[in-house]
C-alpha atoms as a PDB file:
ATOM      1  CA  PRO A   1       0.000   0.000   0.000  1.00  0.00           C
ATOM      2  CA  ALA A   2       1.086   3.570  -0.670  1.00  0.00           C
ATOM      3  CA  GLN A   3       2.499   5.447   2.267  1.00  0.00           C
ATOM      4  CA  GLY A   4       1.691   9.073   2.827  1.00  0.00           C
ATOM      5  CA  PRO A   5      -0.441  11.547   4.685  1.00  0.00           C
ATOM      6  CA  PRO A   6      -4.182  10.918   5.064  1.00  0.00           C
ATOM      7  CA  ASP A   7      -6.771  12.205   2.606  1.00  0.00           C
ATOM      8  CA  ARG A   8      -8.855  13.674   5.424  1.00  0.00           C
ATOM      9  CA  ALA A   9      -8.152  16.036   8.273  1.00  0.00           C
ATOM     10  CA  GLU A  10      -6.633  14.675  11.414  1.00  0.00           C
ATOM     11  CA  ALA A  11      -8.178  15.491  14.781  1.00  0.00           C
ATOM     12  CA  GLY A  12      -8.063  19.234  15.174  1.00  0.00           C
ATOM     13  CA  PHE A  13     -10.131  22.340  14.863  1.00  0.00           C
ATOM     14  CA  ARG A  14     -11.397  21.378  11.410  1.00  0.00           C
ATOM     15  CA  SER A  15     -12.236  17.800  12.375  1.00  0.00           C
ATOM     16  CA  VAL A  16     -15.922  18.439  13.112  1.00  0.00           C
ATOM     17  CA  SER A  17     -16.935  19.741   9.760  1.00  0.00           C
ATOM     18  CA  LEU A  18     -19.346  18.988   6.993  1.00  0.00           C
ATOM     19  CA  ALA A  19     -16.268  18.976   4.797  1.00  0.00           C
ATOM     20  CA  GLN A  20     -15.613  15.386   5.817  1.00  0.00           C
ATOM     21  CA  TYR A  21     -19.023  14.219   4.636  1.00  0.00           C
ATOM     22  CA  GLY A  22     -18.681  14.818   0.908  1.00  0.00           C
ATOM     23  CA  PRO A  23     -17.668  17.201  -1.853  1.00  0.00           C
ATOM     24  CA  HIS A  24     -17.566  20.796  -0.724  1.00  0.00           C
ATOM     25  CA  VAL A  25     -16.296  24.227  -1.716  1.00  0.00           C
ATOM     26  CA  TYR A  26     -15.274  27.289   0.273  1.00  0.00           C
ATOM     27  CA  VAL A  27     -17.112  30.477  -0.724  1.00  0.00           C
ATOM     28  CA  TYR A  28     -15.992  33.983   0.217  1.00  0.00           C
ATOM     29  CA  CYS A  29     -18.088  37.142   0.114  1.00  0.00           C
ATOM     30  CA  THR A  30     -17.766  39.915  -2.482  1.00  0.00           C
ATOM     31  CA  LEU A  31     -20.594  42.326  -1.607  1.00  0.00           C
ATOM     32  CA  GLY A  32     -18.771  44.160   1.194  1.00  0.00           C
ATOM     33  CA  ASP A  33     -16.078  46.772   0.905  1.00  0.00           C
ATOM     34  CA  ALA A  34     -12.627  45.855  -0.444  1.00  0.00           C
ATOM     35  CA  ALA A  35     -11.172  45.179   3.028  1.00  0.00           C
ATOM     36  CA  THR A  36     -14.036  42.843   3.995  1.00  0.00           C
ATOM     37  CA  THR A  37     -13.808  40.986   0.673  1.00  0.00           C
ATOM     38  CA  ALA A  38     -10.040  40.546   1.118  1.00  0.00           C
ATOM     39  CA  ALA A  39     -10.479  39.331   4.725  1.00  0.00           C
ATOM     40  CA  SER A  40     -13.238  36.933   3.650  1.00  0.00           C
ATOM     41  CA  LYS A  41     -11.092  35.503   0.867  1.00  0.00           C
ATOM     42  CA  ALA A  42      -8.127  35.106   3.226  1.00  0.00           C
ATOM     43  CA  ALA A  43     -10.323  33.337   5.801  1.00  0.00           C
ATOM     44  CA  ALA A  44     -11.786  30.993   3.156  1.00  0.00           C
ATOM     45  CA  GLU A  45      -8.310  30.157   1.838  1.00  0.00           C
ATOM     46  CA  LYS A  46      -7.050  29.471   5.366  1.00  0.00           C
ATOM     47  CA  LEU A  47     -10.061  27.269   6.133  1.00  0.00           C
ATOM     48  CA  ALA A  48      -9.550  25.387   2.847  1.00  0.00           C
ATOM     49  CA  ASP A  49      -5.896  24.703   3.641  1.00  0.00           C
ATOM     50  CA  TRP A  50      -5.907  21.681   5.910  1.00  0.00           C
ATOM     51  CA  GLY A  51      -2.151  21.717   6.252  1.00  0.00           C
ATOM     52  CA  PRO A  52       0.825  19.783   4.931  1.00  0.00           C
ATOM     53  CA  ASN A  53      -0.431  16.403   6.176  1.00  0.00           C
ATOM     54  CA  VAL A  54      -3.496  16.414   3.910  1.00  0.00           C
ATOM     55  CA  ARG A  55      -3.134  15.637   0.217  1.00  0.00           C
ATOM     56  CA  ALA A  56      -6.567  16.877  -0.808  1.00  0.00           C
ATOM     57  CA  ARG A  57      -6.961  20.495  -1.949  1.00  0.00           C
ATOM     58  CA  TRP A  58     -10.269  22.290  -1.763  1.00  0.00           C
ATOM     59  CA  ARG A  59     -11.672  24.889  -4.141  1.00  0.00           C
ATOM     60  CA  VAL A  60     -12.139  28.463  -2.979  1.00  0.00           C
ATOM     61  CA  LEU A  61     -14.699  30.442  -4.973  1.00  0.00           C
ATOM     62  CA  ALA A  62     -16.193  33.917  -4.939  1.00  0.00           C
ATOM     63  CA  ASP A  63     -19.886  34.009  -4.086  1.00  0.00           C
ATOM     64  CA  SER A  64     -20.545  35.174  -7.659  1.00  0.00           C
ATOM     65  CA  GLU A  65     -19.108  31.883  -8.989  1.00  0.00           C
ATOM     66  CA  VAL A  66     -21.602  29.611  -7.200  1.00  0.00           C
ATOM     67  CA  THR A  67     -24.177  28.207  -9.614  1.00  0.00           C
ATOM     68  CA  PRO A  68     -27.345  26.243  -8.829  1.00  0.00           C
ATOM     69  CA  ASP A  69     -25.672  23.106 -10.237  1.00  0.00           C
ATOM     70  CA  LEU A  70     -22.626  23.560  -8.002  1.00  0.00           C
ATOM     71  CA  MET A  71     -24.866  24.146  -4.973  1.00  0.00           C
ATOM     72  CA  ALA A  72     -26.855  20.976  -5.726  1.00  0.00           C
ATOM     73  CA  ALA A  73     -23.692  18.879  -5.996  1.00  0.00           C
ATOM     74  CA  HIS A  74     -21.614  20.291  -3.112  1.00  0.00           C
ATOM     75  CA  ASP A  75     -21.812  21.233   0.519  1.00  0.00           C
ATOM     76  CA  LEU A  76     -20.843  24.884   1.009  1.00  0.00           C
ATOM     77  CA  VAL A  77     -18.531  26.505   3.524  1.00  0.00           C
ATOM     78  CA  LEU A  78     -19.715  30.121   3.430  1.00  0.00           C
ATOM     79  CA  VAL A  79     -17.716  33.052   4.797  1.00  0.00           C
ATOM     80  CA  GLY A  80     -19.454  36.388   5.423  1.00  0.00           C
ATOM     81  CA  THR A  81     -22.952  37.568   6.318  1.00  0.00           C
ATOM     82  CA  ASN A  82     -26.308  37.943   4.609  1.00  0.00           C
ATOM     83  CA  ALA A  83     -25.266  41.470   3.620  1.00  0.00           C
ATOM     84  CA  THR A  84     -21.842  40.537   2.213  1.00  0.00           C
ATOM     85  CA  ASN A  85     -22.194  37.013   0.784  1.00  0.00           C
ATOM     86  CA  ARG A  86     -24.714  36.736  -2.065  1.00  0.00           C
ATOM     87  CA  VAL A  87     -25.124  32.958  -1.565  1.00  0.00           C
ATOM     88  CA  LEU A  88     -25.889  33.396   2.117  1.00  0.00           C
ATOM     89  CA  ALA A  89     -28.309  36.231   1.290  1.00  0.00           C
ATOM     90  CA  GLY A  90     -30.314  33.787  -0.827  1.00  0.00           C
ATOM     91  CA  LEU A  91     -30.617  31.112   1.873  1.00  0.00           C
ATOM     92  CA  PHE A  92     -33.782  31.775   3.856  1.00  0.00           C
ATOM     93  CA  GLY A  93     -34.600  30.109   7.137  1.00  0.00           C
ATOM     94  CA  LEU A  94     -31.155  29.765   8.723  1.00  0.00           C
ATOM     95  CA  PRO A  95     -31.556  30.079  12.508  1.00  0.00           C
ATOM     96  CA  VAL A  96     -28.441  32.254  12.994  1.00  0.00           C
ATOM     97  CA  TYR A  97     -27.824  35.396  10.975  1.00  0.00           C
ATOM     98  CA  GLN A  98     -26.245  38.812  11.251  1.00  0.00           C
ATOM     99  CA  ASP A  99     -27.188  42.249   9.980  1.00  0.00           C
ATOM    100  CA  ALA A 100     -26.197  45.848  10.704  1.00  0.00           C
ATOM    101  CA  THR A 101     -28.111  45.830  14.007  1.00  0.00           C
ATOM    102  CA  GLY A 102     -26.723  42.644  15.523  1.00  0.00           C
ATOM    103  CA  THR A 103     -26.321  38.880  15.517  1.00  0.00           C
ATOM    104  CA  PHE A 104     -29.527  36.884  15.906  1.00  0.00           C
ATOM    105  CA  ALA A 105     -30.179  33.277  16.913  1.00  0.00           C
ATOM    106  CA  GLY A 106     -33.565  31.695  17.245  1.00  0.00           C
ATOM    107  CA  GLY A 107     -35.224  35.022  16.474  1.00  0.00           C
ATOM    108  CA  ARG A 108     -33.569  36.932  19.309  1.00  0.00           C
ATOM    109  CA  LYS A 109     -30.577  39.254  19.376  1.00  0.00           C
ATOM    110  CA  VAL A 110     -27.670  37.538  21.133  1.00  0.00           C
ATOM    111  CA  ALA A 111     -24.735  39.797  20.191  1.00  0.00           C
ATOM    112  CA  GLY A 112     -23.829  42.968  18.354  1.00  0.00           C
ATOM    113  CA  PRO A 113     -22.992  43.370  14.665  1.00  0.00           C
ATOM    114  CA  GLY A 114     -19.259  42.871  15.347  1.00  0.00           C
ATOM    115  CA  ALA A 115     -19.769  39.314  16.605  1.00  0.00           C
ATOM    116  CA  THR A 116     -18.719  36.177  14.762  1.00  0.00           C
ATOM    117  CA  TYR A 117     -20.604  32.918  14.444  1.00  0.00           C
ATOM    118  CA  ARG A 118     -20.296  29.387  13.125  1.00  0.00           C
ATOM    119  CA  LEU A 119     -23.373  27.441  11.990  1.00  0.00           C
ATOM    120  CA  LEU A 120     -23.709  23.912  10.599  1.00  0.00           C
ATOM    121  CA  HIS A 121     -27.144  23.464   9.023  1.00  0.00           C
ATOM    122  CA  PRO A 122     -28.948  21.717   6.159  1.00  0.00           C
ATOM    123  CA  ASN A 123     -28.779  23.882   3.040  1.00  0.00           C
ATOM    124  CA  PRO A 124     -32.230  25.461   2.517  1.00  0.00           C
ATOM    125  CA  GLY A 125     -31.338  25.937  -1.162  1.00  0.00           C
ATOM    126  CA  ALA A 126     -30.301  22.346  -1.932  1.00  0.00           C
ATOM    127  CA  THR A 127     -31.821  19.186  -0.533  1.00  0.00           C
ATOM    128  CA  ARG A 128     -29.415  16.641   0.970  1.00  0.00           C
ATOM    129  CA  ARG A 129     -26.661  19.273   1.176  1.00  0.00           C
ATOM    130  CA  ARG A 130     -25.325  21.253   4.120  1.00  0.00           C
ATOM    131  CA  VAL A 131     -23.876  24.672   4.748  1.00  0.00           C
ATOM    132  CA  LEU A 132     -21.200  25.560   7.240  1.00  0.00           C
ATOM    133  CA  VAL A 133     -21.343  29.307   7.804  1.00  0.00           C
ATOM    134  CA  TYR A 134     -18.522  31.354   9.265  1.00  0.00           C
ATOM    135  CA  GLY A 135     -20.401  34.600   9.800  1.00  0.00           C
ATOM    136  CA  GLY A 136     -18.670  37.902  10.273  1.00  0.00           C
ATOM    137  CA  GLY A 137     -19.274  41.262   8.647  1.00  0.00           C
ATOM    138  CA  SER A 138     -15.954  43.048   9.141  1.00  0.00           C
ATOM    139  CA  PRO A 139     -12.259  42.293   8.642  1.00  0.00           C
ATOM    140  CA  GLU A 140     -11.824  42.173  12.432  1.00  0.00           C
ATOM    141  CA  ALA A 141     -14.624  39.630  12.854  1.00  0.00           C
ATOM    142  CA  LEU A 142     -13.404  37.512   9.936  1.00  0.00           C
ATOM    143  CA  LYS A 143      -9.894  37.319  11.407  1.00  0.00           C
ATOM    144  CA  ARG A 144     -11.357  35.318  14.293  1.00  0.00           C
ATOM    145  CA  PHE A 145     -11.567  32.347  11.898  1.00  0.00           C
ATOM    146  CA  VAL A 146      -7.845  32.221  11.325  1.00  0.00           C
ATOM    147  CA  PRO A 147      -5.900  30.295  13.970  1.00  0.00           C
ATOM    148  CA  GLN A 148      -3.134  32.211  15.689  1.00  0.00           C
ATOM    149  CA  GLY A 149      -0.073  29.982  15.855  1.00  0.00           C
ATOM    150  CA  ARG A 150      -1.007  26.674  17.470  1.00  0.00           C
ATOM    151  CA  GLN A 151      -4.124  28.046  19.140  1.00  0.00           C
ATOM    152  CA  ALA A 152      -7.419  27.136  17.488  1.00  0.00           C
ATOM    153  CA  PRO A 153     -10.171  29.732  17.208  1.00  0.00           C
ATOM    154  CA  PRO A 154     -13.299  29.415  19.386  1.00  0.00           C
ATOM    155  CA  PHE A 155     -15.023  27.712  16.451  1.00  0.00           C
ATOM    156  CA  SER A 156     -13.189  24.488  17.243  1.00  0.00           C
ATOM    157  CA  ARG A 157     -15.975  23.565  19.612  1.00  0.00           C
ATOM    158  CA  PHE A 158     -18.091  20.578  18.672  1.00  0.00           C
ATOM    159  CA  ALA A 159     -21.390  22.488  18.746  1.00  0.00           C
ATOM    160  CA  ASP A 160     -23.734  22.904  15.768  1.00  0.00           C
ATOM    161  CA  TYR A 161     -23.787  26.654  16.376  1.00  0.00           C
ATOM    162  CA  VAL A 162     -21.501  29.033  18.247  1.00  0.00           C
ATOM    163  CA  VAL A 163     -21.749  32.824  18.576  1.00  0.00           C
ATOM    164  CA  VAL A 164     -18.680  34.727  19.759  1.00  0.00           C
ATOM    165  CA  GLY A 165     -19.198  38.325  20.870  1.00  0.00           C
ATOM    166  CA  GLU A 166     -17.057  41.335  20.102  1.00  0.00           C
ATOM    167  CA  ASP A 167     -15.113  40.660  23.324  1.00  0.00           C
ATOM    168  CA  ASP A 168     -14.180  37.138  22.065  1.00  0.00           C
ATOM    169  CA  ALA A 169     -16.401  35.483  24.693  1.00  0.00           C
ATOM    170  CA  VAL A 170     -18.768  32.690  23.640  1.00  0.00           C
ATOM    171  CA  VAL A 171     -22.300  34.062  24.133  1.00  0.00           C
ATOM    172  CA  LEU A 172     -24.264  31.120  22.723  1.00  0.00           C
ATOM    173  CA  GLU A 173     -23.564  27.574  21.647  1.00  0.00           C
ATOM    174  CA  GLY A 174     -25.588  24.438  21.272  1.00  0.00           C
ATOM    175  CA  TYR A 175     -26.791  21.438  19.335  1.00  0.00           C
ATOM    176  CA  PHE A 176     -29.877  21.095  17.181  1.00  0.00           C
ATOM    177  CA  ARG A 177     -32.546  18.724  18.435  1.00  0.00           C
ATOM    178  CA  ASP A 178     -35.948  19.555  17.018  1.00  0.00           C
ATOM    179  CA  GLY A 179     -36.173  20.624  13.411  1.00  0.00           C
ATOM    180  CA  TYR A 180     -32.901  22.534  13.408  1.00  0.00           C
ATOM    181  CA  THR A 181     -34.286  25.318  15.576  1.00  0.00           C
ATOM    182  CA  ILE A 182     -32.666  27.214  18.396  1.00  0.00           C
ATOM    183  CA  PRO A 183     -34.878  27.303  21.477  1.00  0.00           C
ATOM    184  CA  PRO A 184     -36.024  30.677  22.741  1.00  0.00           C
ATOM    185  CA  GLU A 185     -34.250  32.157  25.700  1.00  0.00           C
ATOM    186  CA  PRO A 186     -35.272  30.299  28.873  1.00  0.00           C
ATOM    187  CA  LYS A 187     -37.649  32.191  31.143  1.00  0.00           C
ATOM    188  CA  LYS A 188     -36.151  33.454  34.354  1.00  0.00           C
ATOM    189  CA  PRO A 189     -37.869  32.303  37.579  1.00  0.00           C
END
Protein backbone atom coordinates (compact mmCIF):
# COMPACT_ATOMS: atom_id res chain seq x y z
CA PRO A 1 0.00 0.00 0.00
CA ALA A 2 1.09 3.57 -0.67
CA GLN A 3 2.50 5.45 2.27
CA GLY A 4 1.69 9.07 2.83
CA PRO A 5 -0.44 11.55 4.69
CA PRO A 6 -4.18 10.92 5.06
CA ASP A 7 -6.77 12.20 2.61
CA ARG A 8 -8.85 13.67 5.42
CA ALA A 9 -8.15 16.04 8.27
CA GLU A 10 -6.63 14.67 11.41
CA ALA A 11 -8.18 15.49 14.78
CA GLY A 12 -8.06 19.23 15.17
CA PHE A 13 -10.13 22.34 14.86
CA ARG A 14 -11.40 21.38 11.41
CA SER A 15 -12.24 17.80 12.37
CA VAL A 16 -15.92 18.44 13.11
CA SER A 17 -16.94 19.74 9.76
CA LEU A 18 -19.35 18.99 6.99
CA ALA A 19 -16.27 18.98 4.80
CA GLN A 20 -15.61 15.39 5.82
CA TYR A 21 -19.02 14.22 4.64
CA GLY A 22 -18.68 14.82 0.91
CA PRO A 23 -17.67 17.20 -1.85
CA HIS A 24 -17.57 20.80 -0.72
CA VAL A 25 -16.30 24.23 -1.72
CA TYR A 26 -15.27 27.29 0.27
CA VAL A 27 -17.11 30.48 -0.72
CA TYR A 28 -15.99 33.98 0.22
CA CYS A 29 -18.09 37.14 0.11
CA THR A 30 -17.77 39.91 -2.48
CA LEU A 31 -20.59 42.33 -1.61
CA GLY A 32 -18.77 44.16 1.19
CA ASP A 33 -16.08 46.77 0.91
CA ALA A 34 -12.63 45.86 -0.44
CA ALA A 35 -11.17 45.18 3.03
CA THR A 36 -14.04 42.84 4.00
CA THR A 37 -13.81 40.99 0.67
CA ALA A 38 -10.04 40.55 1.12
CA ALA A 39 -10.48 39.33 4.72
CA SER A 40 -13.24 36.93 3.65
CA LYS A 41 -11.09 35.50 0.87
CA ALA A 42 -8.13 35.11 3.23
CA ALA A 43 -10.32 33.34 5.80
CA ALA A 44 -11.79 30.99 3.16
CA GLU A 45 -8.31 30.16 1.84
CA LYS A 46 -7.05 29.47 5.37
CA LEU A 47 -10.06 27.27 6.13
CA ALA A 48 -9.55 25.39 2.85
CA ASP A 49 -5.90 24.70 3.64
CA TRP A 50 -5.91 21.68 5.91
CA GLY A 51 -2.15 21.72 6.25
CA PRO A 52 0.83 19.78 4.93
CA ASN A 53 -0.43 16.40 6.18
CA VAL A 54 -3.50 16.41 3.91
CA ARG A 55 -3.13 15.64 0.22
CA ALA A 56 -6.57 16.88 -0.81
CA ARG A 57 -6.96 20.49 -1.95
CA TRP A 58 -10.27 22.29 -1.76
CA ARG A 59 -11.67 24.89 -4.14
CA VAL A 60 -12.14 28.46 -2.98
CA LEU A 61 -14.70 30.44 -4.97
CA ALA A 62 -16.19 33.92 -4.94
CA ASP A 63 -19.89 34.01 -4.09
CA SER A 64 -20.55 35.17 -7.66
CA GLU A 65 -19.11 31.88 -8.99
CA VAL A 66 -21.60 29.61 -7.20
CA THR A 67 -24.18 28.21 -9.61
CA PRO A 68 -27.35 26.24 -8.83
CA ASP A 69 -25.67 23.11 -10.24
CA LEU A 70 -22.63 23.56 -8.00
CA MET A 71 -24.87 24.15 -4.97
CA ALA A 72 -26.86 20.98 -5.73
CA ALA A 73 -23.69 18.88 -6.00
CA HIS A 74 -21.61 20.29 -3.11
CA ASP A 75 -21.81 21.23 0.52
CA LEU A 76 -20.84 24.88 1.01
CA VAL A 77 -18.53 26.50 3.52
CA LEU A 78 -19.72 30.12 3.43
CA VAL A 79 -17.72 33.05 4.80
CA GLY A 80 -19.45 36.39 5.42
CA THR A 81 -22.95 37.57 6.32
CA ASN A 82 -26.31 37.94 4.61
CA ALA A 83 -25.27 41.47 3.62
CA THR A 84 -21.84 40.54 2.21
CA ASN A 85 -22.19 37.01 0.78
CA ARG A 86 -24.71 36.74 -2.06
CA VAL A 87 -25.12 32.96 -1.57
CA LEU A 88 -25.89 33.40 2.12
CA ALA A 89 -28.31 36.23 1.29
CA GLY A 90 -30.31 33.79 -0.83
CA LEU A 91 -30.62 31.11 1.87
CA PHE A 92 -33.78 31.77 3.86
CA GLY A 93 -34.60 30.11 7.14
CA LEU A 94 -31.16 29.76 8.72
CA PRO A 95 -31.56 30.08 12.51
CA VAL A 96 -28.44 32.25 12.99
CA TYR A 97 -27.82 35.40 10.97
CA GLN A 98 -26.24 38.81 11.25
CA ASP A 99 -27.19 42.25 9.98
CA ALA A 100 -26.20 45.85 10.70
CA THR A 101 -28.11 45.83 14.01
CA GLY A 102 -26.72 42.64 15.52
CA THR A 103 -26.32 38.88 15.52
CA PHE A 104 -29.53 36.88 15.91
CA ALA A 105 -30.18 33.28 16.91
CA GLY A 106 -33.56 31.69 17.25
CA GLY A 107 -35.22 35.02 16.47
CA ARG A 108 -33.57 36.93 19.31
CA LYS A 109 -30.58 39.25 19.38
CA VAL A 110 -27.67 37.54 21.13
CA ALA A 111 -24.74 39.80 20.19
CA GLY A 112 -23.83 42.97 18.35
CA PRO A 113 -22.99 43.37 14.66
CA GLY A 114 -19.26 42.87 15.35
CA ALA A 115 -19.77 39.31 16.61
CA THR A 116 -18.72 36.18 14.76
CA TYR A 117 -20.60 32.92 14.44
CA ARG A 118 -20.30 29.39 13.12
CA LEU A 119 -23.37 27.44 11.99
CA LEU A 120 -23.71 23.91 10.60
CA HIS A 121 -27.14 23.46 9.02
CA PRO A 122 -28.95 21.72 6.16
CA ASN A 123 -28.78 23.88 3.04
CA PRO A 124 -32.23 25.46 2.52
CA GLY A 125 -31.34 25.94 -1.16
CA ALA A 126 -30.30 22.35 -1.93
CA THR A 127 -31.82 19.19 -0.53
CA ARG A 128 -29.42 16.64 0.97
CA ARG A 129 -26.66 19.27 1.18
CA ARG A 130 -25.33 21.25 4.12
CA VAL A 131 -23.88 24.67 4.75
CA LEU A 132 -21.20 25.56 7.24
CA VAL A 133 -21.34 29.31 7.80
CA TYR A 134 -18.52 31.35 9.27
CA GLY A 135 -20.40 34.60 9.80
CA GLY A 136 -18.67 37.90 10.27
CA GLY A 137 -19.27 41.26 8.65
CA SER A 138 -15.95 43.05 9.14
CA PRO A 139 -12.26 42.29 8.64
CA GLU A 140 -11.82 42.17 12.43
CA ALA A 141 -14.62 39.63 12.85
CA LEU A 142 -13.40 37.51 9.94
CA LYS A 143 -9.89 37.32 11.41
CA ARG A 144 -11.36 35.32 14.29
CA PHE A 145 -11.57 32.35 11.90
CA VAL A 146 -7.84 32.22 11.33
CA PRO A 147 -5.90 30.29 13.97
CA GLN A 148 -3.13 32.21 15.69
CA GLY A 149 -0.07 29.98 15.86
CA ARG A 150 -1.01 26.67 17.47
CA GLN A 151 -4.12 28.05 19.14
CA ALA A 152 -7.42 27.14 17.49
CA PRO A 153 -10.17 29.73 17.21
CA PRO A 154 -13.30 29.42 19.39
CA PHE A 155 -15.02 27.71 16.45
CA SER A 156 -13.19 24.49 17.24
CA ARG A 157 -15.97 23.56 19.61
CA PHE A 158 -18.09 20.58 18.67
CA ALA A 159 -21.39 22.49 18.75
CA ASP A 160 -23.73 22.90 15.77
CA TYR A 161 -23.79 26.65 16.38
CA VAL A 162 -21.50 29.03 18.25
CA VAL A 163 -21.75 32.82 18.58
CA VAL A 164 -18.68 34.73 19.76
CA GLY A 165 -19.20 38.33 20.87
CA GLU A 166 -17.06 41.33 20.10
CA ASP A 167 -15.11 40.66 23.32
CA ASP A 168 -14.18 37.14 22.07
CA ALA A 169 -16.40 35.48 24.69
CA VAL A 170 -18.77 32.69 23.64
CA VAL A 171 -22.30 34.06 24.13
CA LEU A 172 -24.26 31.12 22.72
CA GLU A 173 -23.56 27.57 21.65
CA GLY A 174 -25.59 24.44 21.27
CA TYR A 175 -26.79 21.44 19.34
CA PHE A 176 -29.88 21.10 17.18
CA ARG A 177 -32.55 18.72 18.44
CA ASP A 178 -35.95 19.55 17.02
CA GLY A 179 -36.17 20.62 13.41
CA TYR A 180 -32.90 22.53 13.41
CA THR A 181 -34.29 25.32 15.58
CA ILE A 182 -32.67 27.21 18.40
CA PRO A 183 -34.88 27.30 21.48
CA PRO A 184 -36.02 30.68 22.74
CA GLU A 185 -34.25 32.16 25.70
CA PRO A 186 -35.27 30.30 28.87
CA LYS A 187 -37.65 32.19 31.14
CA LYS A 188 -36.15 33.45 34.35
CA PRO A 189 -37.87 32.30 37.58
